[in-house]
Amino acid sequence: MKSIFLFLLLFCFNSLTIGQGNVDGFFKPKGELDVALSSSFGNSTRYFTGNNLISYDRNQLILSAYANYGLSNRFNLIISLPVINFNFQDAAVFAKLKLVQKNISKGEISLFPSVGITFPTHKYETESGQSIGQRATILQPKLIAQYKSNKGWFLQGQMGYNYSFFPVPSSIAASCKIGYIYKQWYLDLWYDYQYGIGGRDYASGLGGPLNSFRDLGVSYNRIGGVVYKNIGDKWGLFLNGSLIYNGRNISELIVFGAGVVFKFKKGLPK
């Protein structure tokens, strides 16, 4: 079961098109490094404007690299970088610190803060229907709480604020997750919410003309899940998927993906 716990962060990436986020409720031990590589395919046929749903056909190939390192048993560093349609998107760097961990009769409760930053790796195109993002630099403080049962199931919730530098609007984020761990298997289901604060709406005409897609306020409701299988002590495989089913200035998007996790200790394979 320990090997499964070490995996739990590795199916999540920072792009909206991929997963639930970079930060989860499990910590890696000191000196251990996990690296995940994944490939996903996203398809959308409709787009949520400020008040309407319009036709919009687009396919996306998403490749991603993710690393999680235990600086100590209570302090982890996380780095990720997605590539969308063969263009590098926004890199992410996060840190999290376990402040509270309390064992109770039937499980464990933990509470911890996290802070991170996402930033564009280059000046990619933002003003077309095939753009891969808003080229935003975002500070992301979060607070995460988790209950882990001795029987293998867990519940997790988190709240955060995404402070975006001008001109991209900021947002409020929240999520919840339920999961289960059994021997070498892991599975979860999650819900993810973002509320864009202010900003313009595509094709609404409100507030004057839209000068840039970077001015759009982005909100969404998204559900997803993952199934992981540990293969020995050195690696594992996973499948994941997600669906954006409602939102503002975002595609109605379905994504399916697969990936591999490699586990290292002090820079060498376990």
Protein backbone atom coordinates (compact mmCIF):
# COMPACT_ATOMS: atom_id res chain seq x y z
CA MET A 1 0.00 0.00 0.00
CA LYS A 2 2.91 2.36 0.63
CA SER A 3 3.88 2.18 -3.04
CA ILE A 4 0.34 3.18 -4.02
CA PHE A 5 0.48 6.20 -1.69
CA LEU A 6 3.66 7.37 -3.42
CA PHE A 7 1.82 7.47 -6.72
CA LEU A 8 -1.18 9.54 -5.73
CA LEU A 9 0.02 12.89 -7.01
CA LEU A 10 1.19 11.63 -10.34
CA PHE A 11 -1.96 11.57 -12.44
CA CYS A 12 -2.61 15.33 -12.01
CA PHE A 13 -1.29 18.14 -14.18
CA ASN A 14 -1.69 21.89 -14.31
CA SER A 15 -3.52 22.30 -17.63
CA LEU A 16 -7.33 22.56 -17.63
CA THR A 17 -7.36 19.94 -20.38
CA ILE A 18 -5.74 17.22 -18.30
CA GLY A 19 -6.63 16.69 -14.67
CA GLN A 20 -7.71 18.06 -11.35
CA GLY A 21 -4.61 19.96 -10.30
CA ASN A 22 -1.02 19.62 -9.14
CA VAL A 23 -1.58 19.26 -5.39
CA ASP A 24 -3.14 16.25 -3.67
CA GLY A 25 -3.46 15.05 -0.08
CA PHE A 26 -0.53 12.60 0.10
CA PHE A 27 3.14 13.29 0.87
CA LYS A 28 6.32 11.65 -0.39
CA PRO A 29 9.04 10.58 2.05
CA LYS A 30 12.31 12.51 2.21
CA GLY A 31 14.69 11.90 -0.69
CA GLU A 32 12.21 10.13 -2.95
CA LEU A 33 11.41 11.30 -6.48
CA ASP A 34 8.53 10.21 -8.70
CA VAL A 35 8.29 11.14 -12.38
CA ALA A 36 5.17 10.68 -14.51
CA LEU A 37 4.83 10.90 -18.29
CA SER A 38 1.39 10.92 -19.88
CA SER A 39 -0.45 11.28 -23.16
CA SER A 40 -4.08 12.41 -23.47
CA PHE A 41 -6.59 13.18 -26.19
CA GLY A 42 -9.23 15.89 -25.80
CA ASN A 43 -12.27 16.54 -27.96
CA SER A 44 -14.78 19.37 -27.89
CA THR A 45 -17.72 20.17 -30.18
CA ARG A 46 -19.28 23.05 -28.23
CA TYR A 47 -18.11 26.18 -26.39
CA PHE A 48 -19.67 27.96 -23.41
CA THR A 49 -19.75 31.74 -23.97
CA GLY A 50 -20.96 34.12 -21.29
CA ASN A 51 -24.65 33.25 -21.90
CA ASN A 52 -24.78 30.79 -24.79
CA LEU A 53 -23.52 27.45 -26.03
CA ILE A 54 -22.09 27.60 -29.56
CA SER A 55 -20.66 25.02 -31.97
CA TYR A 56 -16.89 24.65 -31.74
CA ASP A 57 -14.93 21.66 -33.05
CA ARG A 58 -11.45 21.04 -31.74
CA ASN A 59 -9.14 18.12 -30.97
CA GLN A 60 -6.14 18.30 -28.65
CA LEU A 61 -3.15 16.02 -28.17
CA ILE A 62 -1.73 16.58 -24.69
CA LEU A 63 1.66 15.32 -23.54
CA SER A 64 2.81 16.02 -20.01
CA ALA A 65 5.75 15.56 -17.66
CA TYR A 66 5.39 15.73 -13.88
CA ALA A 67 7.83 15.35 -10.98
CA ASN A 68 7.26 15.22 -7.21
CA TYR A 69 10.19 15.26 -4.75
CA GLY A 70 10.21 14.81 -0.98
CA LEU A 71 12.45 17.52 0.47
CA SER A 72 11.34 16.11 3.83
CA ASN A 73 8.56 13.85 5.06
CA ARG A 74 6.40 16.93 5.58
CA PHE A 75 7.54 19.20 2.72
CA ASN A 76 7.20 18.32 -0.98
CA LEU A 77 8.15 20.12 -4.20
CA ILE A 78 6.11 19.58 -7.39
CA ILE A 79 6.96 20.59 -10.98
CA SER A 80 4.93 19.98 -14.15
CA LEU A 81 4.91 20.97 -17.80
CA PRO A 82 2.22 20.11 -20.41
CA VAL A 83 2.68 20.15 -24.19
CA ILE A 84 -0.56 20.76 -26.12
CA ASN A 85 -0.64 20.05 -29.87
CA PHE A 86 3.19 20.02 -29.78
CA ASN A 87 3.41 23.48 -28.16
CA PHE A 88 4.76 23.97 -24.64
CA GLN A 89 2.09 25.56 -22.44
CA ASP A 90 2.35 26.77 -18.80
CA ALA A 91 4.92 25.34 -16.40
CA ALA A 92 3.94 24.93 -12.74
CA VAL A 93 5.97 24.88 -9.52
CA PHE A 94 4.24 24.04 -6.22
CA ALA A 95 5.28 23.39 -2.63
CA LYS A 96 3.18 21.96 0.19
CA LEU A 97 3.80 21.65 3.92
CA LYS A 98 2.02 19.23 6.24
CA LEU A 99 1.05 21.33 9.27
CA VAL A 100 -1.49 19.06 10.97
CA GLN A 101 -1.57 15.27 11.04
CA LYS A 102 -3.73 13.53 13.64
CA ASN A 103 -4.25 9.80 13.99
CA ILE A 104 -7.68 8.73 15.16
CA SER A 105 -9.13 5.32 15.91
CA LYS A 106 -10.29 4.59 12.37
CA GLY A 107 -7.91 6.66 10.24
CA GLU A 108 -5.88 9.82 9.85
CA ILE A 109 -6.77 13.49 9.38
CA SER A 110 -4.35 15.95 7.77
CA LEU A 111 -4.50 19.67 7.03
CA PHE A 112 -1.91 21.60 5.08
CA PRO A 113 -1.31 24.69 2.94
CA SER A 114 0.20 24.79 -0.51
CA VAL A 115 1.42 27.61 -2.70
CA GLY A 116 2.47 27.57 -6.32
CA ILE A 117 2.93 29.53 -9.49
CA THR A 118 2.09 28.73 -13.10
CA PHE A 119 3.71 30.71 -15.90
CA PRO A 120 3.97 30.54 -19.70
CA THR A 121 7.13 28.98 -21.06
CA HIS A 122 7.05 31.18 -24.17
CA LYS A 123 4.91 33.78 -25.92
CA TYR A 124 2.41 31.38 -27.49
CA GLU A 125 -0.60 32.48 -29.55
CA THR A 126 -3.70 33.50 -27.55
CA GLU A 127 -5.90 35.17 -30.19
CA SER A 128 -7.28 32.26 -32.20
CA GLY A 129 -9.65 29.35 -31.77
CA GLN A 130 -6.62 27.02 -31.64
CA SER A 131 -4.81 28.83 -28.83
CA ILE A 132 -3.58 26.63 -25.96
CA GLY A 133 -4.20 29.06 -23.09
CA GLN A 134 -4.36 32.67 -21.91
CA ARG A 135 -0.59 32.97 -21.34
CA ALA A 136 -1.27 33.77 -17.69
CA THR A 137 1.08 34.01 -14.74
CA ILE A 138 -0.89 32.86 -11.69
CA LEU A 139 -0.10 32.65 -7.97
CA GLN A 140 -2.11 29.83 -6.38
CA PRO A 141 -2.36 29.54 -2.57
CA LYS A 142 -4.46 26.58 -1.41
CA LEU A 143 -5.67 24.90 1.76
CA ILE A 144 -6.18 21.12 1.65
CA ALA A 145 -7.88 18.81 4.14
CA GLN A 146 -7.99 15.03 3.94
CA TYR A 147 -9.36 12.08 5.89
CA LYS A 148 -7.78 8.67 5.18
CA SER A 149 -9.51 5.58 6.54
CA ASN A 150 -7.62 2.54 7.79
CA LYS A 151 -9.79 0.51 5.42
CA GLY A 152 -8.29 2.15 2.33
CA TRP A 153 -10.80 4.83 1.34
CA PHE A 154 -10.23 8.56 1.65
CA LEU A 155 -11.96 11.93 1.27
CA GLN A 156 -10.22 15.14 0.27
CA GLY A 157 -11.27 18.75 -0.19
CA GLN A 158 -9.43 21.93 -1.08
CA MET A 159 -10.02 25.64 -1.54
CA GLY A 160 -7.81 28.16 -3.28
CA TYR A 161 -7.47 31.54 -4.91
CA ASN A 162 -5.85 31.96 -8.33
CA TYR A 163 -4.32 35.44 -8.44
CA SER A 164 -3.68 36.18 -12.12
CA PHE A 165 -1.49 39.05 -13.23
CA PHE A 166 -3.04 41.64 -15.57
CA PRO A 167 -4.81 41.34 -17.95
CA VAL A 168 -6.04 37.81 -17.16
CA PRO A 169 -8.87 37.77 -14.55
CA SER A 170 -8.33 35.99 -11.24
CA SER A 171 -10.52 33.13 -10.00
CA ILE A 172 -11.67 31.12 -6.98
CA ALA A 173 -11.13 27.35 -7.06
CA ALA A 174 -12.51 24.42 -5.06
CA SER A 175 -12.50 20.65 -5.41
CA CYS A 176 -13.45 17.42 -3.66
CA LYS A 177 -12.38 13.83 -4.17
CA ILE A 178 -13.26 10.34 -2.97
CA GLY A 179 -10.93 7.42 -3.54
CA TYR A 180 -10.09 3.86 -2.62
CA ILE A 181 -6.82 1.92 -2.36
CA TYR A 182 -6.76 -1.89 -2.52
CA LYS A 183 -3.47 -3.80 -2.63
CA GLN A 184 -1.73 -2.60 -5.82
CA TRP A 185 -4.77 -0.75 -7.18
CA TYR A 186 -5.90 2.85 -6.73
CA LEU A 187 -9.02 4.58 -8.02
CA ASP A 188 -10.77 7.90 -7.43
CA LEU A 189 -13.60 10.16 -8.57
CA TRP A 190 -13.41 13.95 -8.26
CA TYR A 191 -15.25 17.21 -8.85
CA ASP A 192 -13.48 20.46 -9.70
CA TYR A 193 -14.92 23.99 -9.71
CA GLN A 194 -13.55 27.35 -10.79
CA TYR A 195 -15.30 30.73 -10.64
CA GLY A 196 -13.80 33.47 -12.81
CA ILE A 197 -13.94 36.88 -11.13
CA GLY A 198 -15.09 39.53 -13.58
CA GLY A 199 -13.50 39.64 -17.01
CA ARG A 200 -15.16 39.82 -20.42
CA ASP A 201 -17.37 37.23 -22.11
CA TYR A 202 -16.83 35.93 -25.61
CA ALA A 203 -19.36 37.22 -28.17
CA SER A 204 -21.56 38.84 -25.51
CA GLY A 205 -21.10 42.50 -26.49
CA LEU A 206 -21.26 43.48 -22.82
CA GLY A 207 -18.72 45.95 -21.50
CA GLY A 208 -17.54 47.00 -24.94
CA PRO A 209 -15.50 45.11 -27.55
CA LEU A 210 -13.28 42.21 -26.56
CA ASN A 211 -9.69 43.35 -27.05
CA SER A 212 -8.01 40.02 -26.30
CA PHE A 213 -8.92 36.47 -25.32
CA ARG A 214 -6.69 37.09 -22.29
CA ASP A 215 -9.48 39.35 -20.97
CA LEU A 216 -11.95 36.45 -20.71
CA GLY A 217 -13.16 35.37 -17.28
CA VAL A 218 -13.11 31.57 -17.12
CA SER A 219 -15.41 29.42 -14.97
CA TYR A 220 -16.12 25.69 -15.16
CA ASN A 221 -17.57 22.58 -13.55
CA ARG A 222 -15.57 19.44 -14.19
CA ILE A 223 -15.71 15.80 -13.13
CA GLY A 224 -13.15 13.05 -13.60
CA GLY A 225 -11.44 9.98 -12.28
CA VAL A 226 -8.36 7.78 -12.42
CA VAL A 227 -7.44 4.10 -12.19
CA TYR A 228 -3.85 3.15 -11.32
CA LYS A 229 -2.03 -0.21 -11.11
CA ASN A 230 1.31 -0.53 -9.37
CA ILE A 231 3.77 -2.73 -11.31
CA GLY A 232 6.40 -3.91 -8.86
CA ASP A 233 8.40 -1.34 -6.88
CA LYS A 234 9.79 0.79 -9.69
CA TRP A 235 6.86 1.86 -11.83
CA GLY A 236 3.13 1.83 -12.50
CA LEU A 237 0.48 2.56 -15.15
CA PHE A 238 -2.68 4.66 -15.04
CA LEU A 239 -5.74 5.64 -17.05
CA ASN A 240 -7.67 8.86 -16.44
CA GLY A 241 -10.47 10.93 -17.88
CA SER A 242 -12.36 14.16 -17.29
CA LEU A 243 -15.34 16.13 -18.58
CA ILE A 244 -16.01 19.87 -18.47
CA TYR A 245 -19.83 19.86 -18.59
CA ASN A 246 -20.63 23.49 -17.79
CA GLY A 247 -18.81 26.78 -17.66
CA ARG A 248 -18.08 30.25 -18.96
CA ASN A 249 -15.68 31.03 -21.81
CA ILE A 250 -14.48 27.44 -22.01
CA SER A 251 -15.02 24.39 -24.21
CA GLU A 252 -17.32 21.52 -23.32
CA LEU A 253 -14.37 19.15 -23.24
CA ILE A 254 -13.92 15.42 -22.76
CA VAL A 255 -10.41 14.02 -22.19
CA PHE A 256 -9.05 10.46 -21.97
CA GLY A 257 -5.44 9.69 -21.15
CA ALA A 258 -2.87 7.14 -20.06
CA GLY A 259 0.55 7.36 -18.49
CA VAL A 260 3.46 5.73 -16.75
CA VAL A 261 5.01 6.51 -13.34
CA PHE A 262 8.71 5.95 -12.54
CA LYS A 263 9.82 5.92 -8.90
CA PHE A 264 13.32 6.86 -7.73
CA LYS A 265 15.10 7.10 -4.40
CA LYS A 266 17.95 9.61 -4.01
CA GLY A 267 18.24 9.82 -7.81
CA LEU A 268 18.49 6.04 -8.33
CA PRO A 269 15.78 3.48 -9.17
CA LYS A 270 14.27 1.83 -6.12
